[in-house]
Amino acid sequence: MNLANQLTLLRMGMALAMFAALMQAGAGFHEAAFLLFALAMATDWVDGYVARRFHTVSAFGKVADPVADKILVVGALIGLIRAHIGVPLWGVFLIIARELLMGGLRVLASAHGKVHAAQPWGKWSMGVQSGCVLAMLGLLMIEEHPSALSLPIPPLCYWLTIVCVAAAWSSAYSYYRQSQKMLEKSWE
């Protein structure tokens, strides 16, 4: 297994650890979740760089990389719902629904002999979602240390979730447009 794929698997492991930390009560666990999320985001950039730089892009990496990204983001959002800081359940549902639809589209593409790798719009969407989630994790830490800052945390988290939903569904539309002919053929 090449280094890029090992980093992708490491990101999946960090996502699980981050989720476990968010499920715990206490600021120390939530600070660990923030750190794990930030490190996992860094591995996302590094594994892509390594794969391109050393020409080790693989079919596994094309599939596993976006899966690792989604485990990270969705796991954090579910944990943030539990933290009661203003992340709306309906927003997380829409993001999960989008991911399930995209997974189905990838399976359909694979049935047609294609591997749907991440596209620039999808990478942009993932970057926006990751940045928003990292900000929400930061807001959770601020809420647990109220003497630090006084911010309207629930409304900020609500709007950051809306940005995540908009980014997710705008990239879904881009993938749909790219796959429209394949979908139409599969409907016949």
N, C-alpha and C. Protein backbone atom coordinates (compact mmCIF):
# COMPACT_ATOMS: atom_id res chain seq x y z
N MET A 1 0.85 -1.17 0.00
CA MET A 1 0.00 0.00 0.00
C MET A 1 0.90 1.24 0.00
N ASN A 2 0.59 2.17 -0.88
CA ASN A 2 1.44 3.36 -0.98
C ASN A 2 1.16 4.36 0.15
N LEU A 3 2.06 5.34 0.28
CA LEU A 3 1.98 6.30 1.38
C LEU A 3 0.69 7.12 1.34
N ALA A 4 0.25 7.53 0.14
CA ALA A 4 -0.97 8.33 0.04
C ALA A 4 -2.16 7.54 0.60
N ASN A 5 -2.26 6.27 0.26
CA ASN A 5 -3.37 5.46 0.76
C ASN A 5 -3.26 5.21 2.26
N GLN A 6 -2.04 5.09 2.77
CA GLN A 6 -1.85 4.94 4.21
C GLN A 6 -2.33 6.19 4.94
N LEU A 7 -2.05 7.36 4.35
CA LEU A 7 -2.51 8.61 4.97
C LEU A 7 -4.03 8.71 4.95
N THR A 8 -4.64 8.22 3.88
CA THR A 8 -6.11 8.21 3.80
C THR A 8 -6.69 7.33 4.91
N LEU A 9 -6.11 6.15 5.10
CA LEU A 9 -6.58 5.25 6.16
C LEU A 9 -6.33 5.87 7.54
N LEU A 10 -5.21 6.57 7.69
CA LEU A 10 -4.93 7.27 8.94
C LEU A 10 -6.01 8.32 9.20
N ARG A 11 -6.43 9.03 8.14
CA ARG A 11 -7.47 10.04 8.30
C ARG A 11 -8.77 9.39 8.77
N MET A 12 -9.09 8.22 8.24
CA MET A 12 -10.30 7.51 8.71
C MET A 12 -10.18 7.19 10.20
N GLY A 13 -9.01 6.73 10.61
CA GLY A 13 -8.80 6.43 12.03
C GLY A 13 -8.91 7.68 12.89
N MET A 14 -8.34 8.79 12.42
CA MET A 14 -8.44 10.04 13.17
C MET A 14 -9.88 10.52 13.24
N ALA A 15 -10.65 10.29 12.17
CA ALA A 15 -12.07 10.68 12.16
C ALA A 15 -12.83 9.90 13.23
N LEU A 16 -12.55 8.61 13.34
CA LEU A 16 -13.22 7.81 14.37
C LEU A 16 -12.82 8.26 15.77
N ALA A 17 -11.55 8.55 15.97
CA ALA A 17 -11.09 9.03 17.28
C ALA A 17 -11.70 10.40 17.59
N MET A 18 -11.80 11.27 16.58
CA MET A 18 -12.40 12.59 16.77
C MET A 18 -13.86 12.45 17.18
N PHE A 19 -14.58 11.54 16.51
CA PHE A 19 -15.98 11.31 16.85
C PHE A 19 -16.11 10.80 18.28
N ALA A 20 -15.26 9.86 18.65
CA ALA A 20 -15.29 9.32 20.01
C ALA A 20 -15.03 10.43 21.03
N ALA A 21 -14.11 11.33 20.73
CA ALA A 21 -13.82 12.44 21.65
C ALA A 21 -15.02 13.38 21.77
N LEU A 22 -15.70 13.62 20.65
CA LEU A 22 -16.88 14.50 20.70
C LEU A 22 -18.03 13.89 21.49
N MET A 23 -18.08 12.58 21.56
CA MET A 23 -19.16 11.91 22.29
C MET A 23 -18.95 11.98 23.79
N GLN A 24 -17.78 12.41 24.21
CA GLN A 24 -17.47 12.52 25.63
C GLN A 24 -17.81 13.93 26.12
N ALA A 25 -18.17 14.02 27.38
CA ALA A 25 -18.41 15.32 27.98
C ALA A 25 -17.07 15.87 28.47
N GLY A 26 -16.90 17.13 28.33
CA GLY A 26 -15.70 17.76 28.89
C GLY A 26 -14.86 18.47 27.85
N ALA A 27 -14.37 19.61 28.26
CA ALA A 27 -13.59 20.46 27.36
C ALA A 27 -12.35 19.77 26.84
N GLY A 28 -11.66 18.99 27.65
CA GLY A 28 -10.44 18.32 27.21
C GLY A 28 -10.70 17.40 26.03
N PHE A 29 -11.81 16.67 26.07
CA PHE A 29 -12.16 15.79 24.95
C PHE A 29 -12.47 16.60 23.70
N HIS A 30 -13.15 17.71 23.88
CA HIS A 30 -13.53 18.52 22.72
C HIS A 30 -12.32 19.23 22.12
N GLU A 31 -11.37 19.58 22.97
CA GLU A 31 -10.11 20.13 22.44
C GLU A 31 -9.36 19.07 21.64
N ALA A 32 -9.37 17.83 22.13
CA ALA A 32 -8.75 16.72 21.39
C ALA A 32 -9.46 16.52 20.06
N ALA A 33 -10.80 16.63 20.05
CA ALA A 33 -11.56 16.49 18.81
C ALA A 33 -11.16 17.57 17.81
N PHE A 34 -11.01 18.80 18.29
CA PHE A 34 -10.58 19.90 17.42
C PHE A 34 -9.21 19.59 16.81
N LEU A 35 -8.28 19.17 17.64
CA LEU A 35 -6.93 18.86 17.17
C LEU A 35 -6.94 17.71 16.17
N LEU A 36 -7.68 16.65 16.48
CA LEU A 36 -7.76 15.50 15.56
C LEU A 36 -8.38 15.91 14.22
N PHE A 37 -9.40 16.75 14.27
CA PHE A 37 -10.03 17.21 13.03
C PHE A 37 -9.02 18.01 12.21
N ALA A 38 -8.32 18.92 12.85
CA ALA A 38 -7.34 19.75 12.13
C ALA A 38 -6.22 18.89 11.53
N LEU A 39 -5.73 17.92 12.28
CA LEU A 39 -4.69 17.02 11.75
C LEU A 39 -5.22 16.18 10.59
N ALA A 40 -6.45 15.71 10.72
CA ALA A 40 -7.04 14.92 9.64
C ALA A 40 -7.20 15.77 8.38
N MET A 41 -7.59 17.04 8.55
CA MET A 41 -7.67 17.94 7.39
C MET A 41 -6.31 18.06 6.72
N ALA A 42 -5.27 18.14 7.51
CA ALA A 42 -3.91 18.26 6.95
C ALA A 42 -3.54 17.00 6.16
N THR A 43 -3.91 15.83 6.66
CA THR A 43 -3.58 14.61 5.92
C THR A 43 -4.31 14.56 4.59
N ASP A 44 -5.49 15.18 4.52
CA ASP A 44 -6.23 15.22 3.25
C ASP A 44 -5.41 15.94 2.19
N TRP A 45 -4.82 17.05 2.57
CA TRP A 45 -3.99 17.79 1.62
C TRP A 45 -2.72 17.01 1.31
N VAL A 46 -2.08 16.46 2.33
CA VAL A 46 -0.81 15.77 2.15
C VAL A 46 -0.97 14.52 1.30
N ASP A 47 -2.02 13.73 1.52
CA ASP A 47 -2.13 12.50 0.74
C ASP A 47 -2.35 12.79 -0.74
N GLY A 48 -3.11 13.83 -1.05
CA GLY A 48 -3.28 14.22 -2.45
C GLY A 48 -1.98 14.69 -3.07
N TYR A 49 -1.23 15.48 -2.32
CA TYR A 49 0.06 15.97 -2.81
C TYR A 49 1.01 14.79 -3.07
N VAL A 50 1.09 13.88 -2.11
CA VAL A 50 2.00 12.72 -2.23
C VAL A 50 1.60 11.86 -3.44
N ALA A 51 0.30 11.62 -3.61
CA ALA A 51 -0.16 10.77 -4.71
C ALA A 51 0.20 11.39 -6.06
N ARG A 52 0.01 12.70 -6.19
CA ARG A 52 0.34 13.36 -7.46
C ARG A 52 1.85 13.48 -7.66
N ARG A 53 2.54 13.86 -6.62
CA ARG A 53 3.99 14.10 -6.71
C ARG A 53 4.77 12.82 -7.07
N PHE A 54 4.36 11.70 -6.47
CA PHE A 54 5.08 10.45 -6.68
C PHE A 54 4.35 9.50 -7.64
N HIS A 55 3.35 10.05 -8.33
CA HIS A 55 2.61 9.28 -9.35
C HIS A 55 2.08 7.97 -8.78
N THR A 56 1.46 8.05 -7.62
CA THR A 56 0.89 6.86 -6.97
C THR A 56 -0.62 6.98 -6.81
N VAL A 57 -1.26 7.74 -7.71
CA VAL A 57 -2.72 7.83 -7.69
C VAL A 57 -3.27 6.44 -8.00
N SER A 58 -4.20 5.98 -7.18
CA SER A 58 -4.74 4.62 -7.36
C SER A 58 -6.26 4.65 -7.35
N ALA A 59 -6.85 3.58 -7.89
CA ALA A 59 -8.32 3.47 -7.86
C ALA A 59 -8.81 3.45 -6.41
N PHE A 60 -8.08 2.75 -5.53
CA PHE A 60 -8.44 2.73 -4.11
C PHE A 60 -8.45 4.15 -3.55
N GLY A 61 -7.42 4.90 -3.83
CA GLY A 61 -7.32 6.27 -3.32
C GLY A 61 -8.44 7.17 -3.84
N LYS A 62 -8.81 6.98 -5.11
CA LYS A 62 -9.87 7.80 -5.69
C LYS A 62 -11.21 7.56 -4.99
N VAL A 63 -11.40 6.35 -4.50
CA VAL A 63 -12.64 6.02 -3.80
C VAL A 63 -12.52 6.30 -2.31
N ALA A 64 -11.41 5.86 -1.70
CA ALA A 64 -11.26 5.96 -0.24
C ALA A 64 -11.08 7.39 0.23
N ASP A 65 -10.42 8.24 -0.55
CA ASP A 65 -10.18 9.62 -0.12
C ASP A 65 -11.48 10.37 0.16
N PRO A 66 -12.44 10.40 -0.78
CA PRO A 66 -13.68 11.11 -0.45
C PRO A 66 -14.48 10.43 0.66
N VAL A 67 -14.38 9.10 0.78
CA VAL A 67 -15.07 8.41 1.87
C VAL A 67 -14.48 8.86 3.21
N ALA A 68 -13.17 8.93 3.31
CA ALA A 68 -12.52 9.39 4.54
C ALA A 68 -12.95 10.82 4.87
N ASP A 69 -13.02 11.66 3.84
CA ASP A 69 -13.46 13.05 4.05
C ASP A 69 -14.86 13.10 4.65
N LYS A 70 -15.74 12.28 4.09
CA LYS A 70 -17.13 12.31 4.54
C LYS A 70 -17.28 11.73 5.94
N ILE A 71 -16.52 10.69 6.25
CA ILE A 71 -16.55 10.15 7.62
C ILE A 71 -16.13 11.24 8.60
N LEU A 72 -15.12 12.00 8.23
CA LEU A 72 -14.62 13.07 9.09
C LEU A 72 -15.67 14.16 9.29
N VAL A 73 -16.22 14.69 8.21
CA VAL A 73 -17.16 15.81 8.30
C VAL A 73 -18.48 15.38 8.94
N VAL A 74 -19.05 14.28 8.46
CA VAL A 74 -20.34 13.83 8.99
C VAL A 74 -20.20 13.42 10.46
N GLY A 75 -19.12 12.74 10.80
CA GLY A 75 -18.90 12.37 12.20
C GLY A 75 -18.84 13.59 13.09
N ALA A 76 -18.14 14.62 12.64
CA ALA A 76 -18.04 15.85 13.43
C ALA A 76 -19.40 16.52 13.57
N LEU A 77 -20.15 16.58 12.47
CA LEU A 77 -21.46 17.24 12.54
C LEU A 77 -22.41 16.49 13.48
N ILE A 78 -22.39 15.16 13.43
CA ILE A 78 -23.24 14.39 14.35
C ILE A 78 -22.82 14.66 15.80
N GLY A 79 -21.52 14.70 16.05
CA GLY A 79 -21.04 15.00 17.39
C GLY A 79 -21.42 16.40 17.82
N LEU A 80 -21.42 17.34 16.89
CA LEU A 80 -21.79 18.71 17.22
C LEU A 80 -23.28 18.85 17.49
N ILE A 81 -24.10 18.03 16.85
CA ILE A 81 -25.54 18.04 17.18
C ILE A 81 -25.70 17.67 18.65
N ARG A 82 -24.98 16.64 19.05
CA ARG A 82 -25.07 16.17 20.44
C ARG A 82 -24.60 17.24 21.43
N ALA A 83 -23.71 18.11 20.99
CA ALA A 83 -23.19 19.16 21.87
C ALA A 83 -24.18 20.32 22.06
N HIS A 84 -25.27 20.33 21.30
CA HIS A 84 -26.32 21.35 21.45
C HIS A 84 -25.78 22.77 21.29
N ILE A 85 -25.05 23.01 20.21
CA ILE A 85 -24.54 24.36 20.00
C ILE A 85 -25.15 25.03 18.77
N GLY A 86 -26.28 24.51 18.30
CA GLY A 86 -27.00 25.17 17.21
C GLY A 86 -26.88 24.51 15.85
N VAL A 87 -26.28 23.33 15.76
CA VAL A 87 -26.20 22.63 14.48
C VAL A 87 -27.55 21.97 14.23
N PRO A 88 -28.26 22.39 13.16
CA PRO A 88 -29.60 21.83 12.93
C PRO A 88 -29.54 20.41 12.38
N LEU A 89 -30.39 19.57 12.93
CA LEU A 89 -30.46 18.17 12.51
C LEU A 89 -30.81 18.06 11.02
N TRP A 90 -31.72 18.92 10.55
CA TRP A 90 -32.12 18.85 9.15
C TRP A 90 -30.94 19.12 8.22
N GLY A 91 -30.03 19.99 8.62
CA GLY A 91 -28.86 20.30 7.80
C GLY A 91 -27.94 19.10 7.67
N VAL A 92 -27.74 18.41 8.78
CA VAL A 92 -26.88 17.22 8.76
C VAL A 92 -27.56 16.12 7.94
N PHE A 93 -28.88 16.00 8.07
CA PHE A 93 -29.62 15.04 7.26
C PHE A 93 -29.40 15.31 5.77
N LEU A 94 -29.50 16.57 5.35
CA LEU A 94 -29.32 16.90 3.93
C LEU A 94 -27.90 16.58 3.45
N ILE A 95 -26.92 16.77 4.31
CA ILE A 95 -25.53 16.45 3.94
C ILE A 95 -25.36 14.93 3.81
N ILE A 96 -25.94 14.18 4.75
CA ILE A 96 -25.85 12.72 4.67
C ILE A 96 -26.59 12.21 3.44
N ALA A 97 -27.77 12.78 3.16
CA ALA A 97 -28.52 12.37 1.96
C ALA A 97 -27.70 12.63 0.70
N ARG A 98 -27.04 13.75 0.64
CA ARG A 98 -26.19 14.06 -0.51
C ARG A 98 -25.08 13.02 -0.65
N GLU A 99 -24.47 12.66 0.47
CA GLU A 99 -23.37 11.69 0.42
C GLU A 99 -23.86 10.32 -0.03
N LEU A 100 -25.05 9.92 0.41
CA LEU A 100 -25.61 8.65 -0.03
C LEU A 100 -25.90 8.67 -1.53
N LEU A 101 -26.44 9.78 -2.01
CA LEU A 101 -26.70 9.90 -3.45
C LEU A 101 -25.41 9.86 -4.26
N MET A 102 -24.38 10.54 -3.76
CA MET A 102 -23.10 10.54 -4.48
C MET A 102 -22.47 9.15 -4.45
N GLY A 103 -22.63 8.44 -3.34
CA GLY A 103 -22.14 7.07 -3.26
C GLY A 103 -22.82 6.19 -4.29
N GLY A 104 -24.15 6.36 -4.43
CA GLY A 104 -24.88 5.63 -5.45
C GLY A 104 -24.42 5.97 -6.85
N LEU A 105 -24.14 7.24 -7.09
CA LEU A 105 -23.63 7.68 -8.39
C LEU A 105 -22.27 7.06 -8.68
N ARG A 106 -21.43 6.96 -7.66
CA ARG A 106 -20.11 6.33 -7.84
C ARG A 106 -20.25 4.84 -8.16
N VAL A 107 -21.20 4.16 -7.50
CA VAL A 107 -21.44 2.74 -7.78
C VAL A 107 -21.93 2.58 -9.22
N LEU A 108 -22.83 3.44 -9.64
CA LEU A 108 -23.34 3.39 -11.00
C LEU A 108 -22.22 3.64 -12.01
N ALA A 109 -21.37 4.59 -11.72
CA ALA A 109 -20.23 4.88 -12.61
C ALA A 109 -19.32 3.67 -12.68
N SER A 110 -19.09 3.03 -11.56
CA SER A 110 -18.23 1.85 -11.55
C SER A 110 -18.84 0.72 -12.35
N ALA A 111 -20.17 0.60 -12.35
CA ALA A 111 -20.85 -0.41 -13.18
C ALA A 111 -20.65 -0.13 -14.66
N HIS A 112 -20.37 1.13 -14.99
CA HIS A 112 -20.09 1.51 -16.37
C HIS A 112 -18.58 1.56 -16.64
N GLY A 113 -17.79 1.02 -15.71
CA GLY A 113 -16.35 0.95 -15.91
C GLY A 113 -15.59 2.23 -15.63
N LYS A 114 -16.20 3.14 -14.88
CA LYS A 114 -15.55 4.42 -14.57
C LYS A 114 -15.35 4.53 -13.06
N VAL A 115 -14.31 5.24 -12.68
CA VAL A 115 -14.09 5.57 -11.28
C VAL A 115 -14.26 7.07 -11.15
N HIS A 116 -15.22 7.48 -10.34
CA HIS A 116 -15.47 8.91 -10.12
C HIS A 116 -14.48 9.44 -9.11
N ALA A 117 -13.41 10.05 -9.56
CA ALA A 117 -12.46 10.69 -8.64
C ALA A 117 -13.02 12.06 -8.24
N ALA A 118 -12.46 12.62 -7.20
CA ALA A 118 -12.88 13.95 -6.76
C ALA A 118 -12.60 14.97 -7.86
N GLN A 119 -13.54 15.85 -8.04
CA GLN A 119 -13.44 16.93 -9.02
C GLN A 119 -13.12 18.23 -8.30
N PRO A 120 -12.64 19.24 -9.03
CA PRO A 120 -12.32 20.52 -8.37
C PRO A 120 -13.48 21.09 -7.56
N TRP A 121 -14.70 21.02 -8.08
CA TRP A 121 -15.84 21.56 -7.35
C TRP A 121 -16.06 20.78 -6.05
N GLY A 122 -15.90 19.46 -6.11
CA GLY A 122 -16.05 18.64 -4.92
C GLY A 122 -14.97 18.92 -3.89
N LYS A 123 -13.74 19.17 -4.37
CA LYS A 123 -12.65 19.50 -3.45
C LYS A 123 -12.91 20.85 -2.80
N TRP A 124 -13.41 21.79 -3.58
CA TRP A 124 -13.75 23.11 -3.03
C TRP A 124 -14.84 22.95 -1.97
N SER A 125 -15.86 22.14 -2.27
CA SER A 125 -16.95 21.90 -1.33
C SER A 125 -16.43 21.29 -0.03
N MET A 126 -15.55 20.31 -0.17
CA MET A 126 -14.97 19.66 1.02
C MET A 126 -14.17 20.67 1.84
N GLY A 127 -13.43 21.53 1.16
CA GLY A 127 -12.66 22.57 1.87
C GLY A 127 -13.56 23.51 2.64
N VAL A 128 -14.65 23.92 2.02
CA VAL A 128 -15.61 24.82 2.69
C VAL A 128 -16.23 24.12 3.90
N GLN A 129 -16.69 22.88 3.69
CA GLN A 129 -17.30 22.14 4.80
C GLN A 129 -16.31 21.92 5.93
N SER A 130 -15.09 21.55 5.59
CA SER A 130 -14.07 21.31 6.63
C SER A 130 -13.78 22.58 7.41
N GLY A 131 -13.67 23.70 6.71
CA GLY A 131 -13.43 24.97 7.38
C GLY A 131 -14.57 25.35 8.31
N CYS A 132 -15.80 25.14 7.85
CA CYS A 132 -16.97 25.44 8.69
C CYS A 132 -17.02 24.54 9.91
N VAL A 133 -16.76 23.26 9.72
CA VAL A 133 -16.79 22.32 10.85
C VAL A 133 -15.68 22.66 11.84
N LEU A 134 -14.51 22.97 11.35
CA LEU A 134 -13.41 23.35 12.25
C LEU A 134 -13.80 24.60 13.05
N ALA A 135 -14.45 25.55 12.39
CA ALA A 135 -14.91 26.75 13.10
C ALA A 135 -15.93 26.39 14.17
N MET A 136 -16.85 25.46 13.85
CA MET A 136 -17.84 25.04 14.85
C MET A 136 -17.19 24.33 16.03
N LEU A 137 -16.18 23.51 15.75
CA LEU A 137 -15.44 22.87 16.85
C LEU A 137 -14.75 23.93 17.71
N GLY A 138 -14.23 24.96 17.08
CA GLY A 138 -13.63 26.06 17.82
C GLY A 138 -14.67 26.79 18.67
N LEU A 139 -15.87 27.00 18.10
CA LEU A 139 -16.95 27.65 18.85
C LEU A 139 -17.38 26.80 20.04
N LEU A 140 -17.37 25.48 19.87
CA LEU A 140 -17.69 24.59 20.99
C LEU A 140 -16.68 24.80 22.13
N MET A 141 -15.42 24.91 21.79
CA MET A 141 -14.40 25.13 22.83
C MET A 141 -14.60 26.49 23.49
N ILE A 142 -14.97 27.51 22.70
CA ILE A 142 -15.23 28.83 23.28
C ILE A 142 -16.41 28.77 24.24
N GLU A 143 -17.46 28.04 23.85
CA GLU A 143 -18.63 27.92 24.72
C GLU A 143 -18.27 27.26 26.05
N GLU A 144 -17.32 26.34 26.01
CA GLU A 144 -16.94 25.64 27.23
C GLU A 144 -16.00 26.48 28.11
N HIS A 145 -15.51 27.57 27.55
CA HIS A 145 -14.68 28.52 28.31
C HIS A 145 -15.29 29.91 28.13
N PRO A 146 -16.45 30.15 28.71
CA PRO A 146 -17.19 31.39 28.44
C PRO A 146 -16.44 32.67 28.82
N SER A 147 -15.46 32.58 29.66
CA SER A 147 -14.74 33.79 30.04
C SER A 147 -13.86 34.30 28.89
N ALA A 148 -13.60 33.45 27.91
CA ALA A 148 -12.72 33.83 26.81
C ALA A 148 -13.38 34.86 25.89
N LEU A 149 -14.54 34.53 25.34
CA LEU A 149 -15.25 35.43 24.42
C LEU A 149 -16.75 35.27 24.63
N SER A 150 -17.47 36.30 24.29
CA SER A 150 -18.93 36.21 24.33
C SER A 150 -19.43 36.31 22.89
N LEU A 151 -19.77 35.15 22.31
CA LEU A 151 -20.23 35.09 20.93
C LEU A 151 -21.61 34.44 20.87
N PRO A 152 -22.40 34.81 19.86
CA PRO A 152 -23.70 34.13 19.67
C PRO A 152 -23.48 32.77 19.01
N ILE A 153 -23.05 31.79 19.77
CA ILE A 153 -22.59 30.51 19.23
C ILE A 153 -23.68 29.74 18.48
N PRO A 154 -24.88 29.54 19.05
CA PRO A 154 -25.88 28.78 18.30
C PRO A 154 -26.24 29.39 16.93
N PRO A 155 -26.45 30.70 16.83
CA PRO A 155 -26.73 31.24 15.49
C PRO A 155 -25.54 31.09 14.53
N LEU A 156 -24.33 31.25 15.04
CA LEU A 156 -23.16 31.09 14.17
C LEU A 156 -23.07 29.65 13.65
N CYS A 157 -23.28 28.68 14.53
CA CYS A 157 -23.22 27.27 14.11
C CYS A 157 -24.35 26.95 13.13
N TYR A 158 -25.51 27.53 13.35
CA TYR A 158 -26.64 27.32 12.44
C TYR A 158 -26.27 27.79 11.03
N TRP A 159 -25.73 28.98 10.93
CA TRP A 159 -25.38 29.53 9.61
C TRP A 159 -24.18 28.82 8.99
N LEU A 160 -23.25 28.38 9.79
CA LEU A 160 -22.13 27.60 9.26
C LEU A 160 -22.64 26.26 8.69
N THR A 161 -23.64 25.69 9.33
CA THR A 161 -24.23 24.46 8.79
C THR A 161 -24.91 24.72 7.46
N ILE A 162 -25.61 25.84 7.35
CA ILE A 162 -26.25 26.19 6.08
C ILE A 162 -25.20 26.34 4.98
N VAL A 163 -24.06 26.93 5.29
CA VAL A 163 -22.97 27.03 4.30
C VAL A 163 -22.50 25.64 3.89
N CYS A 164 -22.38 24.74 4.86
CA CYS A 164 -21.99 23.35 4.55
C CYS A 164 -22.99 22.69 3.61
N VAL A 165 -24.28 22.85 3.90
CA VAL A 165 -25.33 22.25 3.06
C VAL A 165 -25.26 22.83 1.65
N ALA A 166 -25.12 24.14 1.55
CA ALA A 166 -25.07 24.78 0.23
C ALA A 166 -23.86 24.29 -0.56
N ALA A 167 -22.71 24.18 0.08
CA ALA A 167 -21.51 23.70 -0.60
C ALA A 167 -21.68 22.26 -1.05
N ALA A 168 -22.25 21.43 -0.18
CA ALA A 168 -22.44 20.01 -0.50
C ALA A 168 -23.36 19.84 -1.71
N TRP A 169 -24.49 20.53 -1.69
CA TRP A 169 -25.46 20.33 -2.77
C TRP A 169 -25.05 21.03 -4.06
N SER A 170 -24.28 22.10 -3.98
CA SER A 170 -23.80 22.72 -5.22
C SER A 170 -22.80 21.79 -5.92
N SER A 171 -21.97 21.11 -5.16
CA SER A 171 -21.05 20.16 -5.80
C SER A 171 -21.80 18.93 -6.29
N ALA A 172 -22.88 18.53 -5.60
CA ALA A 172 -23.70 17.41 -6.07
C ALA A 172 -24.31 17.75 -7.43
N TYR A 173 -24.74 18.97 -7.60
CA TYR A 173 -25.30 19.39 -8.89
C TYR A 173 -24.24 19.31 -9.98
N SER A 174 -23.03 19.71 -9.64
CA SER A 174 -21.92 19.63 -10.61
C SER A 174 -21.67 18.18 -11.02
N TYR A 175 -21.65 17.26 -10.06
CA TYR A 175 -21.46 15.84 -10.37
C TYR A 175 -22.62 15.31 -11.20
N TYR A 176 -23.84 15.75 -10.87
CA TYR A 176 -25.01 15.34 -11.64
C TYR A 176 -24.86 15.76 -13.10
N ARG A 177 -24.50 17.02 -13.33
CA ARG A 177 -24.33 17.52 -14.70
C ARG A 177 -23.27 16.71 -15.45
N GLN A 178 -22.20 16.38 -14.76
CA GLN A 178 -21.11 15.62 -15.37
C GLN A 178 -21.56 14.19 -15.70
N SER A 179 -22.46 13.64 -14.93
CA SER A 179 -22.89 12.25 -15.09
C SER A 179 -24.26 12.11 -15.74
N GLN A 180 -24.81 13.18 -16.23
CA GLN A 180 -26.18 13.17 -16.73
C GLN A 180 -26.40 12.15 -17.84
N LYS A 181 -25.49 12.07 -18.80
CA LYS A 181 -25.66 11.12 -19.91
C LYS A 181 -25.60 9.68 -19.42
N MET A 182 -24.68 9.40 -18.48
CA MET A 182 -24.58 8.06 -17.92
C MET A 182 -25.87 7.70 -17.18
N LEU A 183 -26.42 8.65 -16.43
CA LEU A 183 -27.67 8.40 -15.71
C LEU A 183 -28.82 8.13 -16.68
N GLU A 184 -28.91 8.94 -17.72
CA GLU A 184 -29.97 8.74 -18.70
C GLU A 184 -29.87 7.38 -19.37
N LYS A 185 -28.66 6.92 -19.66
CA LYS A 185 -28.48 5.59 -20.24
C LYS A 185 -28.91 4.51 -19.27
N SER A 186 -28.65 4.71 -17.99
CA SER A 186 -29.00 3.69 -17.00
C SER A 186 -30.50 3.62 -16.75
N TRP A 187 -31.22 4.69 -17.06
CA TRP A 187 -32.67 4.71 -16.86
C TRP A 187 -33.41 3.95 -17.93
N GLU A 188 -32.76 3.71 -19.08
CA GLU A 188 -33.45 3.04 -20.20
C GLU A 188 -33.51 1.56 -20.03
